[in-house]
Amino acid sequence: MSHVGKLAKPYRVEDGKRFRLRDFAPTDTGRIKSKQHAATELGRGIDRLCDLQDKLHAQHQWTVLLIFQAMDAAGKDGTIKHVMSGVNPAGCEVYSFKAPSGVETYHDYMWRTTLRLPECGRTGIFNRSYYEEVLVVRVHGLLKQRQIPPSLIRKHIWEQRFDDICAFERFLCHNGVVIRKFFLNLSKAEQSKRFLKRLQQPQKHWKFSASDIKEREYGDDYMVAYEDMIRHTATPWAPWYVVPADHKWFTRMVVAAALVDTLEELDLSYPKVDVEKHRELENVRQFLKNGKS
């Protein structure tokens, strides 16, 4: 694990049995006390990330899936934008999942995200995901609005969904998909400040919706749901990172560090060419050197 990667280690959860959200402070900045220091670390992380992602794409063996979950205004979009700023877009794809509609509602809740899984050698980023079905659906009691037989909506349905999600993620892992999940842990006070900032800046009005304020009323219920979700779905093969989100500069640094650590574990390298390919390349080199067209 690199120096950059170590920055994310305190926020990694891969066994949720003893997980408590209150043990992770949204205001935490670790040992990083200034934006300047964080900017240096982030820059170093992005440089390393770009190199590793290029090898991932060239090697064409592993697949990386990054999942971001958070309350409104936690900074999912900004984190994705800044951390992936230097990554070759040819090897990366981002999908944002809103409330299911149309044909999506006539399939199982994993269907629409399964369609968007990245192919070999690529990095896929889910801005929200199938985890919405154990968060929004749970908090707002939307199960009856889904196409589910009433007899299957039982007392332990959330535990069943957690088990199914863990099994699905393990299946992906067995097929070369490396999964890392990020919960951006934002305090209610900081969320309020960010909402006010959006209202005060015309260029940010498009980000604001009246429904954002309504969702704040369910803040405590969401925190219970998030805690239960992480407790039941944090595994060694698909760990959660509970990332402090009150300071955007620190959030981005931790996410970058986690990605660097993840890719370094894969021991990536550019594909090696065989003797025949070397001979072919040498012939081409000599051809060009002699100035022939």
C-alpha atoms as a PDB file:
ATOM      1  CA  MET A   1       0.000   0.000   0.000  1.00  0.00           C
ATOM      2  CA  SER A   2       1.378   3.395  -1.030  1.00  0.00           C
ATOM      3  CA  HIS A   3       1.574   6.514   1.121  1.00  0.00           C
ATOM      4  CA  VAL A   4      -1.365   7.894  -0.825  1.00  0.00           C
ATOM      5  CA  GLY A   5      -3.369   4.700  -0.304  1.00  0.00           C
ATOM      6  CA  LYS A   6      -2.833   4.699   3.465  1.00  0.00           C
ATOM      7  CA  LEU A   7      -4.880   7.892   3.778  1.00  0.00           C
ATOM      8  CA  ALA A   8      -8.087   5.958   3.093  1.00  0.00           C
ATOM      9  CA  LYS A   9      -7.465   3.005   5.392  1.00  0.00           C
ATOM     10  CA  PRO A  10      -9.180   4.435   8.531  1.00  0.00           C
ATOM     11  CA  TYR A  11     -12.430   4.869   6.609  1.00  0.00           C
ATOM     12  CA  ARG A  12     -12.605   1.388   5.114  1.00  0.00           C
ATOM     13  CA  VAL A  13     -15.270  -0.979   6.471  1.00  0.00           C
ATOM     14  CA  GLU A  14     -15.183  -4.596   5.329  1.00  0.00           C
ATOM     15  CA  ASP A  15     -16.844  -6.246   8.326  1.00  0.00           C
ATOM     16  CA  GLY A  16     -19.964  -4.387   9.390  1.00  0.00           C
ATOM     17  CA  LYS A  17     -20.902  -6.433  12.442  1.00  0.00           C
ATOM     18  CA  ARG A  18     -19.686  -3.755  14.840  1.00  0.00           C
ATOM     19  CA  PHE A  19     -20.196  -0.800  12.543  1.00  0.00           C
ATOM     20  CA  ARG A  20     -21.766   2.313  14.040  1.00  0.00           C
ATOM     21  CA  LEU A  21     -22.151   5.449  11.983  1.00  0.00           C
ATOM     22  CA  ARG A  22     -21.572   7.623  15.030  1.00  0.00           C
ATOM     23  CA  ASP A  23     -17.986   6.353  15.147  1.00  0.00           C
ATOM     24  CA  PHE A  24     -17.249   8.205  11.882  1.00  0.00           C
ATOM     25  CA  ALA A  25     -17.261  11.997  12.154  1.00  0.00           C
ATOM     26  CA  PRO A  26     -18.345  13.947   9.038  1.00  0.00           C
ATOM     27  CA  THR A  27     -15.926  16.725  10.052  1.00  0.00           C
ATOM     28  CA  ASP A  28     -12.852  14.487  10.306  1.00  0.00           C
ATOM     29  CA  THR A  29      -9.782  15.475   8.297  1.00  0.00           C
ATOM     30  CA  GLY A  30      -7.388  12.859   9.693  1.00  0.00           C
ATOM     31  CA  ARG A  31      -3.892  14.259   9.974  1.00  0.00           C
ATOM     32  CA  ILE A  32      -4.444  16.607   7.047  1.00  0.00           C
ATOM     33  CA  LYS A  33      -5.037  20.056   8.466  1.00  0.00           C
ATOM     34  CA  SER A  34      -4.963  22.314   5.417  1.00  0.00           C
ATOM     35  CA  LYS A  35      -6.381  22.569   1.922  1.00  0.00           C
ATOM     36  CA  GLN A  36      -2.883  23.137   0.584  1.00  0.00           C
ATOM     37  CA  HIS A  37      -1.615  19.842   1.976  1.00  0.00           C
ATOM     38  CA  ALA A  38      -4.720  18.076   0.700  1.00  0.00           C
ATOM     39  CA  ALA A  39      -4.285  19.603  -2.765  1.00  0.00           C
ATOM     40  CA  THR A  40      -0.748  18.226  -2.915  1.00  0.00           C
ATOM     41  CA  GLU A  41      -1.884  14.771  -1.859  1.00  0.00           C
ATOM     42  CA  LEU A  42      -4.824  14.854  -4.269  1.00  0.00           C
ATOM     43  CA  GLY A  43      -2.564  15.852  -7.141  1.00  0.00           C
ATOM     44  CA  ARG A  44      -0.183  13.027  -6.305  1.00  0.00           C
ATOM     45  CA  GLY A  45      -3.094  10.603  -6.090  1.00  0.00           C
ATOM     46  CA  ILE A  46      -4.589  11.699  -9.420  1.00  0.00           C
ATOM     47  CA  ASP A  47      -1.229  11.330 -11.183  1.00  0.00           C
ATOM     48  CA  ARG A  48      -0.812   7.823  -9.826  1.00  0.00           C
ATOM     49  CA  LEU A  49      -4.443   6.982 -10.560  1.00  0.00           C
ATOM     50  CA  CYS A  50      -4.077   8.028 -14.210  1.00  0.00           C
ATOM     51  CA  ASP A  51      -1.042   5.787 -14.653  1.00  0.00           C
ATOM     52  CA  LEU A  52      -2.764   2.803 -13.038  1.00  0.00           C
ATOM     53  CA  GLN A  53      -6.024   3.286 -14.911  1.00  0.00           C
ATOM     54  CA  ASP A  54      -4.141   3.415 -18.212  1.00  0.00           C
ATOM     55  CA  LYS A  55      -2.582   0.045 -17.399  1.00  0.00           C
ATOM     56  CA  LEU A  56      -5.969  -1.340 -16.345  1.00  0.00           C
ATOM     57  CA  HIS A  57      -7.418  -0.341 -19.704  1.00  0.00           C
ATOM     58  CA  ALA A  58      -4.445  -1.737 -21.659  1.00  0.00           C
ATOM     59  CA  GLN A  59      -4.271  -5.016 -19.742  1.00  0.00           C
ATOM     60  CA  HIS A  60      -7.984  -5.640 -20.346  1.00  0.00           C
ATOM     61  CA  GLN A  61      -8.435  -8.211 -17.579  1.00  0.00           C
ATOM     62  CA  TRP A  62      -9.873  -6.571 -14.476  1.00  0.00           C
ATOM     63  CA  THR A  63     -12.988  -4.413 -14.233  1.00  0.00           C
ATOM     64  CA  VAL A  64     -13.517  -1.725 -11.581  1.00  0.00           C
ATOM     65  CA  LEU A  65     -16.919  -0.643 -10.274  1.00  0.00           C
ATOM     66  CA  LEU A  66     -17.171   2.399  -7.996  1.00  0.00           C
ATOM     67  CA  ILE A  67     -20.442   3.089  -6.188  1.00  0.00           C
ATOM     68  CA  PHE A  68     -21.261   6.445  -4.579  1.00  0.00           C
ATOM     69  CA  GLN A  69     -24.123   6.877  -2.132  1.00  0.00           C
ATOM     70  CA  ALA A  70     -24.930   9.947  -0.039  1.00  0.00           C
ATOM     71  CA  MET A  71     -27.541  12.431   1.016  1.00  0.00           C
ATOM     72  CA  ASP A  72     -28.203  15.442  -1.215  1.00  0.00           C
ATOM     73  CA  ALA A  73     -25.391  18.038  -1.354  1.00  0.00           C
ATOM     74  CA  ALA A  74     -22.778  15.600  -0.026  1.00  0.00           C
ATOM     75  CA  GLY A  75     -20.629  16.199  -3.109  1.00  0.00           C
ATOM     76  CA  LYS A  76     -20.941  13.030  -5.190  1.00  0.00           C
ATOM     77  CA  ASP A  77     -20.778  14.853  -8.536  1.00  0.00           C
ATOM     78  CA  GLY A  78     -17.891  17.081  -7.482  1.00  0.00           C
ATOM     79  CA  THR A  79     -15.904  14.195  -6.049  1.00  0.00           C
ATOM     80  CA  ILE A  80     -16.292  12.139  -9.209  1.00  0.00           C
ATOM     81  CA  LYS A  81     -15.378  15.159 -11.350  1.00  0.00           C
ATOM     82  CA  HIS A  82     -12.221  16.091  -9.430  1.00  0.00           C
ATOM     83  CA  VAL A  83     -10.867  12.635  -8.637  1.00  0.00           C
ATOM     84  CA  MET A  84     -11.355  11.329 -12.178  1.00  0.00           C
ATOM     85  CA  SER A  85     -10.244  14.606 -13.802  1.00  0.00           C
ATOM     86  CA  GLY A  86      -7.123  13.220 -15.440  1.00  0.00           C
ATOM     87  CA  VAL A  87      -8.368   9.741 -16.267  1.00  0.00           C
ATOM     88  CA  ASN A  88      -8.632   8.757 -19.928  1.00  0.00           C
ATOM     89  CA  PRO A  89     -12.383   8.927 -20.706  1.00  0.00           C
ATOM     90  CA  ALA A  90     -11.969   6.000 -23.123  1.00  0.00           C
ATOM     91  CA  GLY A  91     -11.541   3.725 -20.111  1.00  0.00           C
ATOM     92  CA  CYS A  92     -14.165   5.214 -17.817  1.00  0.00           C
ATOM     93  CA  GLU A  93     -17.945   5.629 -17.773  1.00  0.00           C
ATOM     94  CA  VAL A  94     -20.298   7.321 -15.296  1.00  0.00           C
ATOM     95  CA  TYR A  95     -23.996   6.587 -14.764  1.00  0.00           C
ATOM     96  CA  SER A  96     -26.371   8.526 -12.522  1.00  0.00           C
ATOM     97  CA  PHE A  97     -29.449   6.644 -11.395  1.00  0.00           C
ATOM     98  CA  LYS A  98     -32.639   8.537 -10.590  1.00  0.00           C
ATOM     99  CA  ALA A  99     -35.976   7.083  -9.474  1.00  0.00           C
ATOM    100  CA  PRO A 100     -36.873   4.104 -11.703  1.00  0.00           C
ATOM    101  CA  SER A 101     -39.487   4.775 -14.357  1.00  0.00           C
ATOM    102  CA  GLY A 102     -41.040   3.216 -17.434  1.00  0.00           C
ATOM    103  CA  VAL A 103     -39.666  -0.182 -18.363  1.00  0.00           C
ATOM    104  CA  GLU A 104     -37.330  -0.143 -15.337  1.00  0.00           C
ATOM    105  CA  THR A 105     -40.256  -0.611 -12.958  1.00  0.00           C
ATOM    106  CA  TYR A 106     -41.221  -3.864 -14.690  1.00  0.00           C
ATOM    107  CA  HIS A 107     -37.945  -5.566 -13.886  1.00  0.00           C
ATOM    108  CA  ASP A 108     -36.182  -6.590 -10.701  1.00  0.00           C
ATOM    109  CA  TYR A 109     -34.417  -3.757  -8.879  1.00  0.00           C
ATOM    110  CA  MET A 110     -30.958  -4.898 -10.002  1.00  0.00           C
ATOM    111  CA  TRP A 111     -31.843  -4.977 -13.695  1.00  0.00           C
ATOM    112  CA  ARG A 112     -31.157  -1.393 -14.728  1.00  0.00           C
ATOM    113  CA  THR A 113     -27.801  -1.217 -12.936  1.00  0.00           C
ATOM    114  CA  THR A 114     -26.729  -4.627 -14.247  1.00  0.00           C
ATOM    115  CA  LEU A 115     -27.195  -3.280 -17.777  1.00  0.00           C
ATOM    116  CA  ARG A 116     -24.657  -0.546 -16.968  1.00  0.00           C
ATOM    117  CA  LEU A 117     -21.909  -2.703 -15.517  1.00  0.00           C
ATOM    118  CA  PRO A 118     -18.542  -1.790 -17.075  1.00  0.00           C
ATOM    119  CA  GLU A 119     -16.819  -4.131 -19.473  1.00  0.00           C
ATOM    120  CA  CYS A 120     -13.361  -5.636 -19.017  1.00  0.00           C
ATOM    121  CA  GLY A 121     -10.557  -3.111 -18.641  1.00  0.00           C
ATOM    122  CA  ARG A 122     -12.876  -0.228 -17.834  1.00  0.00           C
ATOM    123  CA  THR A 123     -13.848   1.701 -14.715  1.00  0.00           C
ATOM    124  CA  GLY A 124     -17.577   2.138 -14.134  1.00  0.00           C
ATOM    125  CA  ILE A 125     -18.922   4.739 -11.716  1.00  0.00           C
ATOM    126  CA  PHE A 126     -22.431   4.548 -10.296  1.00  0.00           C
ATOM    127  CA  ASN A 127     -23.758   7.821  -8.887  1.00  0.00           C
ATOM    128  CA  ARG A 128     -26.389   6.149  -6.712  1.00  0.00           C
ATOM    129  CA  SER A 129     -27.133   2.514  -7.457  1.00  0.00           C
ATOM    130  CA  TYR A 130     -29.173  -0.550  -6.539  1.00  0.00           C
ATOM    131  CA  TYR A 131     -28.600   0.500  -2.930  1.00  0.00           C
ATOM    132  CA  GLU A 132     -31.394   3.056  -3.387  1.00  0.00           C
ATOM    133  CA  GLU A 133     -33.733   0.074  -3.066  1.00  0.00           C
ATOM    134  CA  VAL A 134     -32.730  -0.402   0.569  1.00  0.00           C
ATOM    135  CA  LEU A 135     -32.580   3.336   1.262  1.00  0.00           C
ATOM    136  CA  VAL A 136     -35.222   5.505  -0.435  1.00  0.00           C
ATOM    137  CA  VAL A 137     -37.615   2.595  -0.863  1.00  0.00           C
ATOM    138  CA  ARG A 138     -37.237   1.665   2.789  1.00  0.00           C
ATOM    139  CA  VAL A 139     -37.453   5.178   4.228  1.00  0.00           C
ATOM    140  CA  HIS A 140     -40.505   6.127   2.151  1.00  0.00           C
ATOM    141  CA  GLY A 141     -42.244   2.749   2.243  1.00  0.00           C
ATOM    142  CA  LEU A 142     -42.306   2.327  -1.536  1.00  0.00           C
ATOM    143  CA  LEU A 143     -42.248  -1.460  -1.732  1.00  0.00           C
ATOM    144  CA  LYS A 144     -45.936  -1.664  -2.617  1.00  0.00           C
ATOM    145  CA  GLN A 145     -45.301   0.609  -5.603  1.00  0.00           C
ATOM    146  CA  ARG A 146     -42.848  -1.899  -7.033  1.00  0.00           C
ATOM    147  CA  GLN A 147     -43.934  -4.926  -9.080  1.00  0.00           C
ATOM    148  CA  ILE A 148     -43.557  -7.360  -6.183  1.00  0.00           C
ATOM    149  CA  PRO A 149     -46.170  -9.974  -5.188  1.00  0.00           C
ATOM    150  CA  PRO A 150     -47.625  -8.928  -1.803  1.00  0.00           C
ATOM    151  CA  SER A 151     -46.853 -12.366  -0.366  1.00  0.00           C
ATOM    152  CA  LEU A 152     -43.135 -11.665  -0.832  1.00  0.00           C
ATOM    153  CA  ILE A 153     -43.178  -8.419   1.130  1.00  0.00           C
ATOM    154  CA  ARG A 154     -42.353  -9.925   4.477  1.00  0.00           C
ATOM    155  CA  LYS A 155     -40.898  -8.779   7.769  1.00  0.00           C
ATOM    156  CA  HIS A 156     -37.320  -9.687   6.899  1.00  0.00           C
ATOM    157  CA  ILE A 157     -37.297  -8.368   3.333  1.00  0.00           C
ATOM    158  CA  TRP A 158     -34.448  -5.926   4.002  1.00  0.00           C
ATOM    159  CA  GLU A 159     -32.228  -8.657   5.389  1.00  0.00           C
ATOM    160  CA  GLN A 160     -33.098 -10.728   2.311  1.00  0.00           C
ATOM    161  CA  ARG A 161     -32.103  -7.867   0.041  1.00  0.00           C
ATOM    162  CA  PHE A 162     -28.841  -7.371   1.889  1.00  0.00           C
ATOM    163  CA  ASP A 163     -28.068 -11.070   1.433  1.00  0.00           C
ATOM    164  CA  ASP A 164     -28.948 -10.908  -2.265  1.00  0.00           C
ATOM    165  CA  ILE A 165     -26.771  -7.816  -2.804  1.00  0.00           C
ATOM    166  CA  CYS A 166     -23.803  -9.432  -1.052  1.00  0.00           C
ATOM    167  CA  ALA A 167     -24.240 -12.575  -3.161  1.00  0.00           C
ATOM    168  CA  PHE A 168     -24.470 -10.479  -6.355  1.00  0.00           C
ATOM    169  CA  GLU A 169     -21.327  -8.534  -5.484  1.00  0.00           C
ATOM    170  CA  ARG A 170     -19.479 -11.741  -4.679  1.00  0.00           C
ATOM    171  CA  PHE A 171     -20.548 -13.132  -8.058  1.00  0.00           C
ATOM    172  CA  LEU A 172     -19.116 -10.039  -9.761  1.00  0.00           C
ATOM    173  CA  CYS A 173     -15.926 -10.383  -7.737  1.00  0.00           C
ATOM    174  CA  HIS A 174     -15.543 -13.983  -8.934  1.00  0.00           C
ATOM    175  CA  ASN A 175     -15.755 -12.654 -12.486  1.00  0.00           C
ATOM    176  CA  GLY A 176     -12.992 -10.088 -12.129  1.00  0.00           C
ATOM    177  CA  VAL A 177     -15.049  -7.069 -11.088  1.00  0.00           C
ATOM    178  CA  VAL A 178     -13.382  -5.097  -8.283  1.00  0.00           C
ATOM    179  CA  ILE A 179     -16.017  -3.229  -6.279  1.00  0.00           C
ATOM    180  CA  ARG A 180     -15.440  -0.243  -4.016  1.00  0.00           C
ATOM    181  CA  LYS A 181     -18.335   1.593  -2.379  1.00  0.00           C
ATOM    182  CA  PHE A 182     -18.289   5.105  -0.958  1.00  0.00           C
ATOM    183  CA  PHE A 183     -20.729   6.637   1.488  1.00  0.00           C
ATOM    184  CA  LEU A 184     -20.055  10.373   1.669  1.00  0.00           C
ATOM    185  CA  ASN A 185     -20.837  11.130   5.279  1.00  0.00           C
ATOM    186  CA  LEU A 186     -22.274  14.654   5.449  1.00  0.00           C
ATOM    187  CA  SER A 187     -23.530  16.359   8.621  1.00  0.00           C
ATOM    188  CA  LYS A 188     -26.961  17.937   8.674  1.00  0.00           C
ATOM    189  CA  ALA A 189     -25.450  21.324   9.555  1.00  0.00           C
ATOM    190  CA  GLU A 190     -23.108  21.277   6.557  1.00  0.00           C
ATOM    191  CA  GLN A 191     -25.921  20.141   4.285  1.00  0.00           C
ATOM    192  CA  SER A 192     -27.944  23.171   5.360  1.00  0.00           C
ATOM    193  CA  LYS A 193     -25.004  25.489   4.561  1.00  0.00           C
ATOM    194  CA  ARG A 194     -24.636  23.997   1.096  1.00  0.00           C
ATOM    195  CA  PHE A 195     -28.348  24.338   0.372  1.00  0.00           C
ATOM    196  CA  LEU A 196     -28.194  28.009   1.373  1.00  0.00           C
ATOM    197  CA  LYS A 197     -25.173  28.527  -0.854  1.00  0.00           C
ATOM    198  CA  ARG A 198     -27.043  27.036  -3.796  1.00  0.00           C
ATOM    199  CA  LEU A 199     -29.931  29.427  -3.173  1.00  0.00           C
ATOM    200  CA  GLN A 200     -27.588  32.415  -2.983  1.00  0.00           C
ATOM    201  CA  GLN A 201     -25.741  31.661  -6.236  1.00  0.00           C
ATOM    202  CA  PRO A 202     -27.838  31.815  -9.426  1.00  0.00           C
ATOM    203  CA  GLN A 203     -25.438  29.518 -11.268  1.00  0.00           C
ATOM    204  CA  LYS A 204     -26.221  26.810  -8.715  1.00  0.00           C
ATOM    205  CA  HIS A 205     -30.020  27.147  -8.715  1.00  0.00           C
ATOM    206  CA  TRP A 206     -30.316  24.262 -11.170  1.00  0.00           C
ATOM    207  CA  LYS A 207     -28.925  21.956  -8.488  1.00  0.00           C
ATOM    208  CA  PHE A 208     -31.658  22.791  -6.016  1.00  0.00           C
ATOM    209  CA  SER A 209     -35.057  21.158  -5.762  1.00  0.00           C
ATOM    210  CA  ALA A 210     -37.836  21.653  -3.240  1.00  0.00           C
ATOM    211  CA  SER A 211     -37.765  17.888  -2.727  1.00  0.00           C
ATOM    212  CA  ASP A 212     -34.271  18.276  -1.250  1.00  0.00           C
ATOM    213  CA  ILE A 213     -35.746  20.120   1.719  1.00  0.00           C
ATOM    214  CA  LYS A 214     -38.506  17.553   2.100  1.00  0.00           C
ATOM    215  CA  GLU A 215     -35.921  14.783   2.230  1.00  0.00           C
ATOM    216  CA  ARG A 216     -34.195  16.558   5.123  1.00  0.00           C
ATOM    217  CA  GLU A 217     -37.238  15.772   7.245  1.00  0.00           C
ATOM    218  CA  TYR A 218     -36.316  12.110   6.904  1.00  0.00           C
ATOM    219  CA  GLY A 219     -32.666  12.655   7.769  1.00  0.00           C
ATOM    220  CA  ASP A 220     -32.682  10.531  10.917  1.00  0.00           C
ATOM    221  CA  ASP A 221     -34.509   7.702   9.131  1.00  0.00           C
ATOM    222  CA  TYR A 222     -31.947   7.795   6.354  1.00  0.00           C
ATOM    223  CA  MET A 223     -29.074   7.569   8.805  1.00  0.00           C
ATOM    224  CA  VAL A 224     -30.632   4.456  10.345  1.00  0.00           C
ATOM    225  CA  ALA A 225     -31.049   2.969   6.870  1.00  0.00           C
ATOM    226  CA  TYR A 226     -27.466   3.836   5.859  1.00  0.00           C
ATOM    227  CA  GLU A 227     -26.062   2.327   9.027  1.00  0.00           C
ATOM    228  CA  ASP A 228     -28.044  -0.879   8.555  1.00  0.00           C
ATOM    229  CA  MET A 229     -27.035  -1.044   4.900  1.00  0.00           C
ATOM    230  CA  ILE A 230     -23.314  -0.689   5.608  1.00  0.00           C
ATOM    231  CA  ARG A 231     -23.488  -3.058   8.551  1.00  0.00           C
ATOM    232  CA  HIS A 232     -24.968  -5.810   6.360  1.00  0.00           C
ATOM    233  CA  THR A 233     -23.179  -5.236   3.038  1.00  0.00           C
ATOM    234  CA  ALA A 234     -19.605  -4.326   4.009  1.00  0.00           C
ATOM    235  CA  THR A 235     -17.480  -7.290   2.936  1.00  0.00           C
ATOM    236  CA  PRO A 236     -13.799  -7.930   2.174  1.00  0.00           C
ATOM    237  CA  TRP A 237     -14.625  -8.285  -1.538  1.00  0.00           C
ATOM    238  CA  ALA A 238     -16.825  -5.157  -1.683  1.00  0.00           C
ATOM    239  CA  PRO A 239     -15.907  -2.847   1.210  1.00  0.00           C
ATOM    240  CA  TRP A 240     -17.520   0.450   2.069  1.00  0.00           C
ATOM    241  CA  TYR A 241     -15.551   3.621   2.639  1.00  0.00           C
ATOM    242  CA  VAL A 242     -17.345   5.917   5.077  1.00  0.00           C
ATOM    243  CA  VAL A 243     -15.776   9.146   3.877  1.00  0.00           C
ATOM    244  CA  PRO A 244     -16.044  12.390   5.903  1.00  0.00           C
ATOM    245  CA  ALA A 245     -17.834  14.835   3.607  1.00  0.00           C
ATOM    246  CA  ASP A 246     -18.034  18.147   5.484  1.00  0.00           C
ATOM    247  CA  HIS A 247     -14.749  19.245   3.880  1.00  0.00           C
ATOM    248  CA  LYS A 248     -14.822  18.612   0.130  1.00  0.00           C
ATOM    249  CA  TRP A 249     -11.053  18.841  -0.199  1.00  0.00           C
ATOM    250  CA  PHE A 250     -10.632  15.990   2.269  1.00  0.00           C
ATOM    251  CA  THR A 251     -13.420  13.892   0.736  1.00  0.00           C
ATOM    252  CA  ARG A 252     -11.757  13.997  -2.675  1.00  0.00           C
ATOM    253  CA  MET A 253      -8.365  13.157  -1.262  1.00  0.00           C
ATOM    254  CA  VAL A 254      -9.670  10.084   0.589  1.00  0.00           C
ATOM    255  CA  VAL A 255     -11.551   8.770  -2.450  1.00  0.00           C
ATOM    256  CA  ALA A 256      -8.471   9.208  -4.654  1.00  0.00           C
ATOM    257  CA  ALA A 257      -6.362   7.417  -2.060  1.00  0.00           C
ATOM    258  CA  ALA A 258      -8.806   4.513  -1.916  1.00  0.00           C
ATOM    259  CA  LEU A 259      -8.755   4.139  -5.694  1.00  0.00           C
ATOM    260  CA  VAL A 260      -4.962   4.211  -5.842  1.00  0.00           C
ATOM    261  CA  ASP A 261      -4.786   1.565  -3.139  1.00  0.00           C
ATOM    262  CA  THR A 262      -7.344  -0.595  -4.974  1.00  0.00           C
ATOM    263  CA  LEU A 263      -5.574  -0.468  -8.336  1.00  0.00           C
ATOM    264  CA  GLU A 264      -2.132  -1.032  -6.829  1.00  0.00           C
ATOM    265  CA  GLU A 265      -3.424  -4.258  -5.293  1.00  0.00           C
ATOM    266  CA  LEU A 266      -4.126  -5.589  -8.805  1.00  0.00           C
ATOM    267  CA  ASP A 267      -0.445  -5.517  -9.803  1.00  0.00           C
ATOM    268  CA  LEU A 268      -1.285  -3.968 -13.172  1.00  0.00           C
ATOM    269  CA  SER A 269       1.123  -3.750 -16.089  1.00  0.00           C
ATOM    270  CA  TYR A 270       1.134  -3.083 -19.808  1.00  0.00           C
ATOM    271  CA  PRO A 271       0.737  -6.257 -21.897  1.00  0.00           C
ATOM    272  CA  LYS A 272       3.996  -7.824 -23.005  1.00  0.00           C
ATOM    273  CA  VAL A 273       4.430  -8.716 -26.660  1.00  0.00           C
ATOM    274  CA  ASP A 274       5.763 -12.054 -27.867  1.00  0.00           C
ATOM    275  CA  VAL A 275       8.798 -12.707 -30.073  1.00  0.00           C
ATOM    276  CA  GLU A 276       6.780 -12.658 -33.293  1.00  0.00           C
ATOM    277  CA  LYS A 277       5.269  -9.303 -32.401  1.00  0.00           C
ATOM    278  CA  HIS A 278       8.711  -7.922 -31.580  1.00  0.00           C
ATOM    279  CA  ARG A 279       9.932  -9.041 -35.003  1.00  0.00           C
ATOM    280  CA  GLU A 280       6.970  -7.370 -36.676  1.00  0.00           C
ATOM    281  CA  LEU A 281       7.596  -4.114 -34.831  1.00  0.00           C
ATOM    282  CA  GLU A 282      11.280  -4.190 -35.739  1.00  0.00           C
ATOM    283  CA  ASN A 283      10.412  -4.632 -39.418  1.00  0.00           C
ATOM    284  CA  VAL A 284       8.073  -1.651 -39.234  1.00  0.00           C
ATOM    285  CA  ARG A 285      10.736   0.418 -37.488  1.00  0.00           C
ATOM    286  CA  GLN A 286      13.291  -0.379 -40.167  1.00  0.00           C
ATOM    287  CA  PHE A 287      10.741   0.364 -42.884  1.00  0.00           C
ATOM    288  CA  LEU A 288      10.025   3.809 -41.437  1.00  0.00           C
ATOM    289  CA  LYS A 289      13.708   4.478 -40.739  1.00  0.00           C
ATOM    290  CA  ASN A 290      14.559   3.908 -44.398  1.00  0.00           C
ATOM    291  CA  GLY A 291      12.071   6.603 -45.316  1.00  0.00           C
ATOM    292  CA  LYS A 292       9.792   4.419 -47.392  1.00  0.00           C
ATOM    293  CA  SER A 293       6.155   5.387 -47.824  1.00  0.00           C
END
